[in-house]
Amino acid sequence: MTHKVKYDDLTKYERARLVGARALQLAMGAPPLIGVPEKSINAVLLAKAEFEKKAIPLQVIRAA
């Protein structure tokens, strides 16, 4: 049995995995899902900002 995990219930390891995966996507040219400041911003910082705004389009599914 599996279930989806809400943002508030993520472990620090799951958070790191989501931010890392999203940062890789951004570094490879994926469009950002939040407004980007005029200054050039690093992919990891942008991924963290997307995570804080709950805009990362990834899901965590845990096995029971």
PDB file of N, CA and C in Angstrom:
ATOM      1  N   MET A   1       0.844  -1.177   0.000  1.00  0.00           N
ATOM      2  CA  MET A   1       0.000   0.000   0.000  1.00  0.00           C
ATOM      3  C   MET A   1       0.890   1.241   0.000  1.00  0.00           C
ATOM      4  N   THR A   2       0.534   2.217  -0.794  1.00  0.00           N
ATOM      5  CA  THR A   2       1.294   3.462  -0.860  1.00  0.00           C
ATOM      6  C   THR A   2       0.362   4.642  -0.631  1.00  0.00           C
ATOM      7  N   HIS A   3       0.951   5.765  -0.250  1.00  0.00           N
ATOM      8  CA  HIS A   3       0.159   6.982  -0.111  1.00  0.00           C
ATOM      9  C   HIS A   3       1.028   8.196  -0.404  1.00  0.00           C
ATOM     10  N   LYS A   4       0.377   9.252  -0.881  1.00  0.00           N
ATOM     11  CA  LYS A   4       1.080  10.497  -1.177  1.00  0.00           C
ATOM     12  C   LYS A   4       1.342  11.241   0.125  1.00  0.00           C
ATOM     13  N   VAL A   5       2.427  11.965   0.154  1.00  0.00           N
ATOM     14  CA  VAL A   5       2.834  12.689   1.354  1.00  0.00           C
ATOM     15  C   VAL A   5       2.615  14.182   1.134  1.00  0.00           C
ATOM     16  N   LYS A   6       2.063  14.859   2.134  1.00  0.00           N
ATOM     17  CA  LYS A   6       1.858  16.306   2.051  1.00  0.00           C
ATOM     18  C   LYS A   6       3.165  17.034   2.359  1.00  0.00           C
ATOM     19  N   TYR A   7       3.267  18.274   1.894  1.00  0.00           N
ATOM     20  CA  TYR A   7       4.478  19.071   2.106  1.00  0.00           C
ATOM     21  C   TYR A   7       4.860  19.152   3.582  1.00  0.00           C
ATOM     22  N   ASP A   8       3.893  19.305   4.448  1.00  0.00           N
ATOM     23  CA  ASP A   8       4.181  19.482   5.875  1.00  0.00           C
ATOM     24  C   ASP A   8       4.706  18.204   6.533  1.00  0.00           C
ATOM     25  N   ASP A   9       4.476  17.056   5.907  1.00  0.00           N
ATOM     26  CA  ASP A   9       4.872  15.777   6.492  1.00  0.00           C
ATOM     27  C   ASP A   9       6.171  15.219   5.921  1.00  0.00           C
ATOM     28  N   LEU A  10       6.855  15.974   5.071  1.00  0.00           N
ATOM     29  CA  LEU A  10       8.087  15.493   4.450  1.00  0.00           C
ATOM     30  C   LEU A  10       9.237  15.455   5.456  1.00  0.00           C
ATOM     31  N   THR A  11      10.082  14.449   5.330  1.00  0.00           N
ATOM     32  CA  THR A  11      11.285  14.389   6.161  1.00  0.00           C
ATOM     33  C   THR A  11      12.339  15.308   5.551  1.00  0.00           C
ATOM     34  N   LYS A  12      13.408  15.566   6.289  1.00  0.00           N
ATOM     35  CA  LYS A  12      14.462  16.432   5.755  1.00  0.00           C
ATOM     36  C   LYS A  12      15.122  15.790   4.542  1.00  0.00           C
ATOM     37  N   TYR A  13      15.131  14.478   4.470  1.00  0.00           N
ATOM     38  CA  TYR A  13      15.728  13.775   3.333  1.00  0.00           C
ATOM     39  C   TYR A  13      14.847  13.895   2.088  1.00  0.00           C
ATOM     40  N   GLU A  14      13.544  13.812   2.288  1.00  0.00           N
ATOM     41  CA  GLU A  14      12.614  13.973   1.164  1.00  0.00           C
ATOM     42  C   GLU A  14      12.646  15.406   0.645  1.00  0.00           C
ATOM     43  N   ARG A  15      12.739  16.363   1.555  1.00  0.00           N
ATOM     44  CA  ARG A  15      12.845  17.767   1.132  1.00  0.00           C
ATOM     45  C   ARG A  15      14.102  17.977   0.295  1.00  0.00           C
ATOM     46  N   ALA A  16      15.224  17.439   0.778  1.00  0.00           N
ATOM     47  CA  ALA A  16      16.491  17.584   0.057  1.00  0.00           C
ATOM     48  C   ALA A  16      16.405  16.931  -1.318  1.00  0.00           C
ATOM     49  N   ARG A  17      15.771  15.786  -1.399  1.00  0.00           N
ATOM     50  CA  ARG A  17      15.631  15.082  -2.674  1.00  0.00           C
ATOM     51  C   ARG A  17      14.786  15.892  -3.657  1.00  0.00           C
ATOM     52  N   LEU A  18      13.682  16.460  -3.186  1.00  0.00           N
ATOM     53  CA  LEU A  18      12.821  17.264  -4.057  1.00  0.00           C
ATOM     54  C   LEU A  18      13.537  18.517  -4.543  1.00  0.00           C
ATOM     55  N   VAL A  19      14.198  19.217  -3.638  1.00  0.00           N
ATOM     56  CA  VAL A  19      14.909  20.441  -4.020  1.00  0.00           C
ATOM     57  C   VAL A  19      16.045  20.105  -4.981  1.00  0.00           C
ATOM     58  N   GLY A  20      16.766  19.027  -4.711  1.00  0.00           N
ATOM     59  CA  GLY A  20      17.860  18.626  -5.592  1.00  0.00           C
ATOM     60  C   GLY A  20      17.377  18.237  -6.980  1.00  0.00           C
ATOM     61  N   ALA A  21      16.291  17.479  -7.042  1.00  0.00           N
ATOM     62  CA  ALA A  21      15.746  17.063  -8.337  1.00  0.00           C
ATOM     63  C   ALA A  21      15.246  18.268  -9.124  1.00  0.00           C
ATOM     64  N   ARG A  22      14.583  19.187  -8.432  1.00  0.00           N
ATOM     65  CA  ARG A  22      14.073  20.382  -9.116  1.00  0.00           C
ATOM     66  C   ARG A  22      15.224  21.284  -9.550  1.00  0.00           C
ATOM     67  N   ALA A  23      16.264  21.410  -8.738  1.00  0.00           N
ATOM     68  CA  ALA A  23      17.427  22.223  -9.104  1.00  0.00           C
ATOM     69  C   ALA A  23      18.088  21.665 -10.361  1.00  0.00           C
ATOM     70  N   LEU A  24      18.163  20.352 -10.469  1.00  0.00           N
ATOM     71  CA  LEU A  24      18.726  19.733 -11.669  1.00  0.00           C
ATOM     72  C   LEU A  24      17.872  20.060 -12.887  1.00  0.00           C
ATOM     73  N   GLN A  25      16.553  19.986 -12.740  1.00  0.00           N
ATOM     74  CA  GLN A  25      15.662  20.332 -13.848  1.00  0.00           C
ATOM     75  C   GLN A  25      15.878  21.777 -14.279  1.00  0.00           C
ATOM     76  N   LEU A  26      15.973  22.676 -13.314  1.00  0.00           N
ATOM     77  CA  LEU A  26      16.176  24.094 -13.629  1.00  0.00           C
ATOM     78  C   LEU A  26      17.521  24.321 -14.308  1.00  0.00           C
ATOM     79  N   ALA A  27      18.545  23.641 -13.839  1.00  0.00           N
ATOM     80  CA  ALA A  27      19.878  23.783 -14.424  1.00  0.00           C
ATOM     81  C   ALA A  27      19.913  23.270 -15.859  1.00  0.00           C
ATOM     82  N   MET A  28      19.047  22.307 -16.163  1.00  0.00           N
ATOM     83  CA  MET A  28      19.001  21.745 -17.509  1.00  0.00           C
ATOM     84  C   MET A  28      18.068  22.527 -18.435  1.00  0.00           C
ATOM     85  N   GLY A  29      17.483  23.627 -17.934  1.00  0.00           N
ATOM     86  CA  GLY A  29      16.695  24.497 -18.798  1.00  0.00           C
ATOM     87  C   GLY A  29      15.198  24.503 -18.572  1.00  0.00           C
ATOM     88  N   ALA A  30      14.709  23.826 -17.543  1.00  0.00           N
ATOM     89  CA  ALA A  30      13.273  23.839 -17.263  1.00  0.00           C
ATOM     90  C   ALA A  30      12.846  25.251 -16.862  1.00  0.00           C
ATOM     91  N   PRO A  31      11.646  25.667 -17.256  1.00  0.00           N
ATOM     92  CA  PRO A  31      11.193  27.007 -16.888  1.00  0.00           C
ATOM     93  C   PRO A  31      10.863  27.092 -15.394  1.00  0.00           C
ATOM     94  N   PRO A  32      11.224  28.188 -14.736  1.00  0.00           N
ATOM     95  CA  PRO A  32      10.880  28.348 -13.318  1.00  0.00           C
ATOM     96  C   PRO A  32       9.372  28.523 -13.149  1.00  0.00           C
ATOM     97  N   LEU A  33       8.845  28.051 -12.030  1.00  0.00           N
ATOM     98  CA  LEU A  33       7.412  28.100 -11.773  1.00  0.00           C
ATOM     99  C   LEU A  33       7.006  29.276 -10.897  1.00  0.00           C
ATOM    100  N   ILE A  34       7.980  30.076 -10.492  1.00  0.00           N
ATOM    101  CA  ILE A  34       7.693  31.281  -9.721  1.00  0.00           C
ATOM    102  C   ILE A  34       8.388  32.448 -10.410  1.00  0.00           C
ATOM    103  N   GLY A  35       8.040  33.646 -10.025  1.00  0.00           N
ATOM    104  CA  GLY A  35       8.696  34.818 -10.590  1.00  0.00           C
ATOM    105  C   GLY A  35      10.172  34.840 -10.223  1.00  0.00           C
ATOM    106  N   VAL A  36      11.010  35.084 -11.212  1.00  0.00           N
ATOM    107  CA  VAL A  36      12.457  35.112 -10.993  1.00  0.00           C
ATOM    108  C   VAL A  36      12.907  36.563 -10.916  1.00  0.00           C
ATOM    109  N   PRO A  37      13.702  36.914  -9.908  1.00  0.00           N
ATOM    110  CA  PRO A  37      14.206  38.285  -9.831  1.00  0.00           C
ATOM    111  C   PRO A  37      15.073  38.613 -11.043  1.00  0.00           C
ATOM    112  N   GLU A  38      15.255  39.886 -11.287  1.00  0.00           N
ATOM    113  CA  GLU A  38      16.038  40.316 -12.445  1.00  0.00           C
ATOM    114  C   GLU A  38      17.470  39.799 -12.382  1.00  0.00           C
ATOM    115  N   LYS A  39      18.027  39.747 -11.181  1.00  0.00           N
ATOM    116  CA  LYS A  39      19.385  39.226 -11.027  1.00  0.00           C
ATOM    117  C   LYS A  39      19.402  37.739 -11.375  1.00  0.00           C
ATOM    118  N   SER A  40      20.532  37.300 -11.850  1.00  0.00           N
ATOM    119  CA  SER A  40      20.710  35.877 -12.119  1.00  0.00           C
ATOM    120  C   SER A  40      20.694  35.138 -10.786  1.00  0.00           C
ATOM    121  N   ILE A  41      19.922  34.068 -10.696  1.00  0.00           N
ATOM    122  CA  ILE A  41      19.824  33.318  -9.443  1.00  0.00           C
ATOM    123  C   ILE A  41      20.266  31.879  -9.683  1.00  0.00           C
ATOM    124  N   ASN A  42      20.916  31.312  -8.723  1.00  0.00           N
ATOM    125  CA  ASN A  42      21.425  29.949  -8.800  1.00  0.00           C
ATOM    126  C   ASN A  42      20.247  28.958  -8.761  1.00  0.00           C
ATOM    127  N   ALA A  43      20.377  27.826  -9.439  1.00  0.00           N
ATOM    128  CA  ALA A  43      19.297  26.848  -9.579  1.00  0.00           C
ATOM    129  C   ALA A  43      18.854  26.288  -8.231  1.00  0.00           C
ATOM    130  N   VAL A  44      19.789  26.085  -7.309  1.00  0.00           N
ATOM    131  CA  VAL A  44      19.432  25.533  -6.001  1.00  0.00           C
ATOM    132  C   VAL A  44      18.606  26.544  -5.205  1.00  0.00           C
ATOM    133  N   LEU A  45      19.007  27.809  -5.236  1.00  0.00           N
ATOM    134  CA  LEU A  45      18.239  28.833  -4.517  1.00  0.00           C
ATOM    135  C   LEU A  45      16.845  28.990  -5.115  1.00  0.00           C
ATOM    136  N   LEU A  46      16.748  28.913  -6.424  1.00  0.00           N
ATOM    137  CA  LEU A  46      15.448  29.005  -7.081  1.00  0.00           C
ATOM    138  C   LEU A  46      14.586  27.795  -6.717  1.00  0.00           C
ATOM    139  N   ALA A  47      15.176  26.610  -6.685  1.00  0.00           N
ATOM    140  CA  ALA A  47      14.437  25.401  -6.304  1.00  0.00           C
ATOM    141  C   ALA A  47      13.962  25.495  -4.853  1.00  0.00           C
ATOM    142  N   LYS A  48      14.799  26.034  -3.961  1.00  0.00           N
ATOM    143  CA  LYS A  48      14.384  26.220  -2.564  1.00  0.00           C
ATOM    144  C   LYS A  48      13.215  27.195  -2.472  1.00  0.00           C
ATOM    145  N   ALA A  49      13.279  28.271  -3.256  1.00  0.00           N
ATOM    146  CA  ALA A  49      12.190  29.252  -3.257  1.00  0.00           C
ATOM    147  C   ALA A  49      10.902  28.617  -3.775  1.00  0.00           C
ATOM    148  N   GLU A  50      11.000  27.799  -4.813  1.00  0.00           N
ATOM    149  CA  GLU A  50       9.820  27.097  -5.327  1.00  0.00           C
ATOM    150  C   GLU A  50       9.269  26.146  -4.272  1.00  0.00           C
ATOM    151  N   PHE A  51      10.148  25.464  -3.548  1.00  0.00           N
ATOM    152  CA  PHE A  51       9.704  24.542  -2.505  1.00  0.00           C
ATOM    153  C   PHE A  51       8.962  25.290  -1.400  1.00  0.00           C
ATOM    154  N   GLU A  52       9.507  26.432  -0.981  1.00  0.00           N
ATOM    155  CA  GLU A  52       8.868  27.213   0.082  1.00  0.00           C
ATOM    156  C   GLU A  52       7.488  27.706  -0.334  1.00  0.00           C
ATOM    157  N   LYS A  53       7.298  27.955  -1.624  1.00  0.00           N
ATOM    158  CA  LYS A  53       5.993  28.401  -2.128  1.00  0.00           C
ATOM    159  C   LYS A  53       5.121  27.227  -2.571  1.00  0.00           C
ATOM    160  N   LYS A  54       5.597  26.006  -2.316  1.00  0.00           N
ATOM    161  CA  LYS A  54       4.879  24.774  -2.658  1.00  0.00           C
ATOM    162  C   LYS A  54       4.544  24.710  -4.143  1.00  0.00           C
ATOM    163  N   ALA A  55       5.508  25.093  -4.970  1.00  0.00           N
ATOM    164  CA  ALA A  55       5.295  25.126  -6.413  1.00  0.00           C
ATOM    165  C   ALA A  55       6.033  24.015  -7.149  1.00  0.00           C
ATOM    166  N   ILE A  56       6.739  23.155  -6.440  1.00  0.00           N
ATOM    167  CA  ILE A  56       7.487  22.086  -7.111  1.00  0.00           C
ATOM    168  C   ILE A  56       6.496  21.015  -7.579  1.00  0.00           C
ATOM    169  N   PRO A  57       6.502  20.696  -8.876  1.00  0.00           N
ATOM    170  CA  PRO A  57       5.520  19.750  -9.424  1.00  0.00           C
ATOM    171  C   PRO A  57       5.938  18.281  -9.282  1.00  0.00           C
ATOM    172  N   LEU A  58       6.436  17.910  -8.131  1.00  0.00           N
ATOM    173  CA  LEU A  58       6.873  16.536  -7.891  1.00  0.00           C
ATOM    174  C   LEU A  58       6.111  15.988  -6.691  1.00  0.00           C
ATOM    175  N   GLN A  59       5.932  14.675  -6.659  1.00  0.00           N
ATOM    176  CA  GLN A  59       5.218  14.044  -5.559  1.00  0.00           C
ATOM    177  C   GLN A  59       6.114  13.022  -4.881  1.00  0.00           C
ATOM    178  N   VAL A  60       5.894  12.844  -3.593  1.00  0.00           N
ATOM    179  CA  VAL A  60       6.580  11.801  -2.834  1.00  0.00           C
ATOM    180  C   VAL A  60       5.530  10.755  -2.499  1.00  0.00           C
ATOM    181  N   ILE A  61       5.821   9.520  -2.868  1.00  0.00           N
ATOM    182  CA  ILE A  61       4.913   8.418  -2.552  1.00  0.00           C
ATOM    183  C   ILE A  61       5.699   7.425  -1.706  1.00  0.00           C
ATOM    184  N   ARG A  62       5.201   7.169  -0.517  1.00  0.00           N
ATOM    185  CA  ARG A  62       5.870   6.247   0.405  1.00  0.00           C
ATOM    186  C   ARG A  62       5.199   4.881   0.364  1.00  0.00           C
ATOM    187  N   ALA A  63       6.023   3.868   0.466  1.00  0.00           N
ATOM    188  CA  ALA A  63       5.490   2.511   0.599  1.00  0.00           C
ATOM    189  C   ALA A  63       5.102   2.297   2.062  1.00  0.00           C
ATOM    190  N   ALA A  64       4.106   1.500   2.280  1.00  0.00           N
ATOM    191  CA  ALA A  64       3.628   1.286   3.647  1.00  0.00           C
ATOM    192  C   ALA A  64       4.542   0.444   4.466  1.00  0.00           C
TER     193      ALA A  64
END
